[in-house]
Amino acid sequence: MSCPERLRTQAFIDGEIAEADVASVERHIEGCEDCQAFCADAAGVSDAIRSSATRHAAPDHVRRRVTMMLDAEPAPTAATRRRAPADARTDRRSFWRGAFGGAGITGLAASLAILAVQPPSPTTLVDQVTAAHTKALMDGREIAVVSSDHHTVKPWFAGRIDLSPPVRDFAAQGFKLIGGRLDKVGRAPAAVLVYQHGRHQVALFVWSDRGSPLPTEGVRHGYHTMFWKSGDLDFAAVSDTATPELANFVQLVRSQPE
């Protein structure tokens, strides 16, 4: 017999839960084996779709017809805007135009994989870490505390995240600590240490281990990732530097005493 909260779990995966209810649904999933298995199955399906499905672009006549129908919709009145829930403000026109832009199936599968985080699959983790790194670079927020001094960077995380990341500078070996920030791997809060290596940045993600399997390494959009566990923490290093150089960095981090 399936969990009576299965419908809410499905809505959570689809991103249709009101923001005020997200925390309660996450707590339920963490304690419910049935919903955990359901999320894992959803992540597996989305991984399979993303890796195997053929990408299709909508024909021009379909694209034109959908655009005309959307343009013909009446603009929302003040009354309908008041009735709309706070978490339903996304413009449907923008959604459907994006969905018919040539990668609708792949985009929806990727969104499902990111939302289905209990537990995330190894393929999903590669996507999540790479997406977080590239988004931080694009938004110009890759560093929140700027310093090469671990006595400055490490205390900055205290009180901001419920873990203590190992903070070390490897400038002598070619990886200079330049700062850190907070981020997320899926929905899990993560500390991120940022290093400069020549003209490349290396981001070291650290988050609390939740028992999920980790991939060994992966490549997405030119970014290399490497993963490992140590104690009760999970680690991921991501950079557009060459794989051997990233492996050298990982070896430096892992060789340091806890």
Protein backbone atom coordinates (compact mmCIF):
# COMPACT_ATOMS: atom_id res chain seq x y z
CA MET A 1 0.00 0.00 0.00
CA SER A 2 1.43 3.34 -1.04
CA CYS A 3 1.90 6.24 1.35
CA PRO A 4 -1.17 8.53 1.61
CA GLU A 5 1.22 11.46 1.09
CA ARG A 6 2.22 10.15 -2.36
CA LEU A 7 0.26 12.88 -4.19
CA ARG A 8 2.02 15.63 -2.23
CA THR A 9 5.36 13.96 -2.94
CA GLN A 10 4.51 13.92 -6.64
CA ALA A 11 3.60 17.61 -6.48
CA PHE A 12 6.93 18.28 -4.74
CA ILE A 13 8.84 16.52 -7.55
CA ASP A 14 6.88 18.52 -10.13
CA GLY A 15 7.66 21.80 -8.36
CA GLU A 16 3.98 22.47 -7.64
CA ILE A 17 4.12 22.67 -3.84
CA ALA A 18 3.58 26.10 -2.30
CA GLU A 19 6.78 27.53 -0.86
CA ALA A 20 5.29 27.54 2.63
CA ASP A 21 4.72 23.76 2.44
CA VAL A 22 8.08 22.69 0.98
CA ALA A 23 9.81 22.20 4.33
CA SER A 24 7.04 19.96 5.70
CA VAL A 25 7.05 17.79 2.55
CA GLU A 26 10.85 17.45 2.71
CA ARG A 27 10.61 16.35 6.36
CA HIS A 28 8.01 13.75 5.42
CA ILE A 29 10.13 12.35 2.59
CA GLU A 30 13.18 12.10 4.85
CA GLY A 31 11.22 9.80 7.18
CA CYS A 32 9.16 7.85 4.64
CA GLU A 33 10.80 4.92 2.84
CA ASP A 34 7.91 4.63 0.38
CA CYS A 35 8.21 8.27 -0.76
CA GLN A 36 12.01 8.01 -0.84
CA ALA A 37 11.72 5.05 -3.23
CA PHE A 38 9.15 6.96 -5.29
CA CYS A 39 11.54 9.93 -5.64
CA ALA A 40 14.43 7.63 -6.50
CA ASP A 41 12.33 5.99 -9.24
CA ALA A 42 11.42 9.42 -10.62
CA ALA A 43 15.08 10.45 -10.69
CA GLY A 44 15.99 7.23 -12.49
CA VAL A 45 13.30 7.77 -15.13
CA SER A 46 14.39 11.36 -15.71
CA ASP A 47 18.02 10.29 -16.01
CA ALA A 48 17.02 7.69 -18.61
CA ILE A 49 14.95 10.23 -20.56
CA ARG A 50 17.75 12.78 -20.52
CA SER A 51 20.39 10.29 -21.67
CA SER A 52 18.33 8.32 -24.23
CA ALA A 53 15.38 10.40 -25.44
CA THR A 54 15.50 11.96 -28.90
CA ARG A 55 15.21 15.74 -28.94
CA HIS A 56 12.37 17.07 -31.10
CA ALA A 57 11.63 20.61 -32.20
CA ALA A 58 8.01 21.58 -32.74
CA PRO A 59 7.11 22.11 -36.43
CA ASP A 60 6.81 25.74 -37.46
CA HIS A 61 3.04 25.52 -38.01
CA VAL A 62 2.52 24.13 -34.49
CA ARG A 63 4.77 26.81 -33.02
CA ARG A 64 2.83 29.55 -34.86
CA ARG A 65 -0.54 28.15 -33.78
CA VAL A 66 0.43 27.92 -30.11
CA THR A 67 1.85 31.44 -30.21
CA MET A 68 -1.35 32.79 -31.77
CA MET A 69 -3.50 31.05 -29.14
CA LEU A 70 -1.39 32.48 -26.34
CA ASP A 71 -1.47 35.95 -27.82
CA ALA A 72 -5.26 35.69 -28.04
CA GLU A 73 -5.61 35.01 -24.32
CA PRO A 74 -7.08 37.95 -22.40
CA ALA A 75 -4.71 39.77 -20.11
CA PRO A 76 -5.25 38.96 -16.42
CA THR A 77 -7.40 41.43 -14.56
CA ALA A 78 -6.67 42.77 -11.11
CA ALA A 79 -9.29 40.40 -9.69
CA THR A 80 -7.74 37.29 -11.27
CA ARG A 81 -4.28 38.35 -10.12
CA ARG A 82 -5.59 38.63 -6.56
CA ARG A 83 -7.06 35.13 -6.77
CA ALA A 84 -3.86 33.59 -8.08
CA PRO A 85 -1.69 31.93 -5.41
CA ALA A 86 1.66 33.54 -4.65
CA ASP A 87 3.59 30.62 -6.13
CA ALA A 88 1.69 30.67 -9.47
CA ARG A 89 3.08 33.90 -10.89
CA THR A 90 5.08 32.32 -13.74
CA ASP A 91 3.93 33.59 -17.14
CA ARG A 92 2.45 30.63 -19.01
CA ARG A 93 3.31 32.24 -22.31
CA SER A 94 7.00 32.26 -21.44
CA PHE A 95 6.82 28.62 -20.35
CA TRP A 96 5.18 27.33 -23.50
CA ARG A 97 7.35 29.41 -25.82
CA GLY A 98 10.38 27.95 -24.05
CA ALA A 99 8.98 24.43 -24.19
CA PHE A 100 8.47 24.72 -27.95
CA GLY A 101 11.99 26.12 -28.43
CA GLY A 102 13.43 22.74 -29.42
CA ALA A 103 14.40 21.08 -26.12
CA GLY A 104 11.14 20.75 -24.22
CA ILE A 105 11.45 17.08 -23.31
CA THR A 106 15.08 17.38 -22.25
CA GLY A 107 14.41 20.53 -20.23
CA LEU A 108 11.49 19.02 -18.35
CA ALA A 109 13.49 15.86 -17.61
CA ALA A 110 16.38 17.92 -16.25
CA SER A 111 14.03 19.92 -14.02
CA LEU A 112 12.54 16.69 -12.66
CA ALA A 113 16.02 15.32 -11.95
CA ILE A 114 17.00 18.43 -10.00
CA LEU A 115 13.82 18.39 -7.93
CA ALA A 116 13.96 14.66 -7.15
CA VAL A 117 16.67 14.94 -4.55
CA GLN A 118 15.75 12.23 -2.06
CA PRO A 119 18.00 10.47 -2.78
CA PRO A 120 19.72 11.94 -5.88
CA SER A 121 21.25 9.58 -8.39
CA PRO A 122 24.96 9.87 -9.29
CA THR A 123 24.05 11.34 -12.70
CA THR A 124 21.80 13.90 -11.03
CA LEU A 125 24.60 14.94 -8.67
CA VAL A 126 26.91 15.71 -11.60
CA ASP A 127 24.18 17.90 -13.09
CA GLN A 128 23.42 19.62 -9.79
CA VAL A 129 27.02 20.51 -8.95
CA THR A 130 27.81 21.69 -12.48
CA ALA A 131 24.61 23.75 -12.64
CA ALA A 132 25.34 25.39 -9.27
CA HIS A 133 28.91 26.23 -10.31
CA THR A 134 27.98 27.69 -13.70
CA LYS A 135 25.05 29.66 -12.25
CA ALA A 136 27.33 31.23 -9.63
CA LEU A 137 29.81 32.23 -12.34
CA MET A 138 27.08 33.67 -14.57
CA ASP A 139 25.49 35.60 -11.69
CA GLY A 140 28.85 36.96 -10.52
CA ARG A 141 28.37 35.54 -7.03
CA GLU A 142 31.04 32.86 -6.99
CA ILE A 143 32.64 34.42 -3.87
CA ALA A 144 30.86 35.88 -0.83
CA VAL A 145 33.85 36.09 1.54
CA VAL A 146 37.05 37.15 -0.23
CA SER A 147 40.20 35.98 1.51
CA SER A 148 43.12 33.59 1.19
CA ASP A 149 43.39 33.29 4.97
CA HIS A 150 41.70 30.19 6.35
CA HIS A 151 41.38 32.00 9.70
CA THR A 152 39.01 34.39 7.92
CA VAL A 153 37.18 32.00 5.60
CA LYS A 154 36.48 29.15 8.03
CA PRO A 155 34.84 31.31 10.75
CA TRP A 156 32.69 32.94 8.07
CA PHE A 157 30.84 29.65 7.58
CA ALA A 158 30.15 29.29 11.33
CA GLY A 159 26.48 30.05 12.02
CA ARG A 160 25.68 30.14 8.32
CA ILE A 161 25.72 26.39 7.65
CA ASP A 162 25.46 23.34 9.90
CA LEU A 163 28.83 21.83 9.00
CA SER A 164 32.50 22.73 9.28
CA PRO A 165 34.26 22.51 5.90
CA PRO A 166 38.01 21.91 5.82
CA VAL A 167 39.58 25.22 4.73
CA ARG A 168 43.17 25.14 3.50
CA ASP A 169 45.28 27.16 1.09
CA PHE A 170 47.36 25.33 -1.53
CA ALA A 171 49.01 28.38 -3.11
CA ALA A 172 52.42 26.72 -2.99
CA GLN A 173 51.05 23.87 -5.11
CA GLY A 174 49.33 26.20 -7.59
CA PHE A 175 45.82 26.33 -6.08
CA LYS A 176 45.36 29.59 -4.19
CA LEU A 177 42.38 29.93 -1.85
CA ILE A 178 40.50 33.09 -2.84
CA GLY A 179 37.29 32.81 -0.82
CA GLY A 180 34.05 30.96 -0.27
CA ARG A 181 30.29 31.13 -0.45
CA LEU A 182 27.12 29.24 0.40
CA ASP A 183 25.27 27.28 -2.25
CA LYS A 184 23.09 24.19 -2.65
CA VAL A 185 23.53 20.76 -4.16
CA GLY A 186 19.94 20.13 -5.15
CA ARG A 187 18.16 21.25 -1.98
CA ALA A 188 21.01 20.40 0.38
CA PRO A 189 22.94 23.42 1.71
CA ALA A 190 26.62 23.33 0.79
CA ALA A 191 29.76 25.26 1.68
CA VAL A 192 31.84 26.16 -1.37
CA LEU A 193 35.55 26.99 -1.26
CA VAL A 194 36.93 28.74 -4.33
CA TYR A 195 40.51 28.36 -5.55
CA GLN A 196 42.42 30.07 -8.34
CA HIS A 197 44.57 27.88 -10.60
CA GLY A 198 46.15 29.96 -13.34
CA ARG A 199 43.24 31.36 -15.32
CA HIS A 200 40.87 28.72 -14.00
CA GLN A 201 38.71 28.54 -10.89
CA VAL A 202 38.21 25.37 -8.91
CA ALA A 203 35.12 25.14 -6.69
CA LEU A 204 35.13 22.68 -3.80
CA PHE A 205 31.57 21.82 -2.68
CA VAL A 206 31.11 20.35 0.80
CA TRP A 207 27.76 19.14 2.15
CA SER A 208 26.48 16.76 4.82
CA ASP A 209 26.37 13.13 3.77
CA ARG A 210 22.81 11.80 3.51
CA GLY A 211 23.70 8.28 2.47
CA SER A 212 23.35 8.85 -1.26
CA PRO A 213 25.82 7.18 -3.62
CA LEU A 214 28.33 9.49 -5.27
CA PRO A 215 29.71 9.27 -8.78
CA THR A 216 33.46 9.08 -9.17
CA GLU A 217 33.67 11.83 -11.77
CA GLY A 218 31.76 13.36 -14.63
CA VAL A 219 31.83 15.98 -17.39
CA ARG A 220 29.09 18.48 -18.23
CA HIS A 221 29.39 21.37 -20.69
CA GLY A 222 33.17 21.39 -20.48
CA TYR A 223 33.31 21.26 -16.67
CA HIS A 224 34.98 18.30 -14.98
CA THR A 225 33.71 17.04 -11.61
CA MET A 226 35.17 14.65 -9.06
CA PHE A 227 33.38 13.32 -5.97
CA TRP A 228 34.33 11.60 -2.73
CA LYS A 229 33.21 11.05 0.86
CA SER A 230 35.13 11.72 4.06
CA GLY A 231 33.58 11.07 7.45
CA ASP A 232 30.10 12.57 7.52
CA LEU A 233 30.75 14.94 4.62
CA ASP A 234 30.42 14.67 0.84
CA PHE A 235 32.80 16.52 -1.48
CA ALA A 236 32.76 17.58 -5.12
CA ALA A 237 35.44 19.50 -7.02
CA VAL A 238 34.38 21.19 -10.27
CA SER A 239 36.40 23.21 -12.77
CA ASP A 240 37.04 23.74 -16.46
CA THR A 241 40.71 22.97 -15.90
CA ALA A 242 42.18 19.77 -17.35
CA THR A 243 41.31 16.49 -15.66
CA PRO A 244 44.87 15.73 -14.45
CA GLU A 245 45.11 19.15 -12.82
CA LEU A 246 41.76 18.71 -11.10
CA ALA A 247 42.89 15.28 -9.92
CA ASN A 248 46.01 16.90 -8.43
CA PHE A 249 43.81 19.34 -6.54
CA VAL A 250 41.61 16.54 -5.21
CA GLN A 251 44.68 14.64 -4.07
CA LEU A 252 45.90 17.74 -2.18
CA VAL A 253 42.55 18.10 -0.39
CA ARG A 254 42.26 14.42 0.46
CA SER A 255 45.84 14.12 1.70
CA GLN A 256 45.38 16.75 4.39
CA PRO A 257 44.66 15.57 7.95
CA GLU A 258 41.09 15.92 9.13
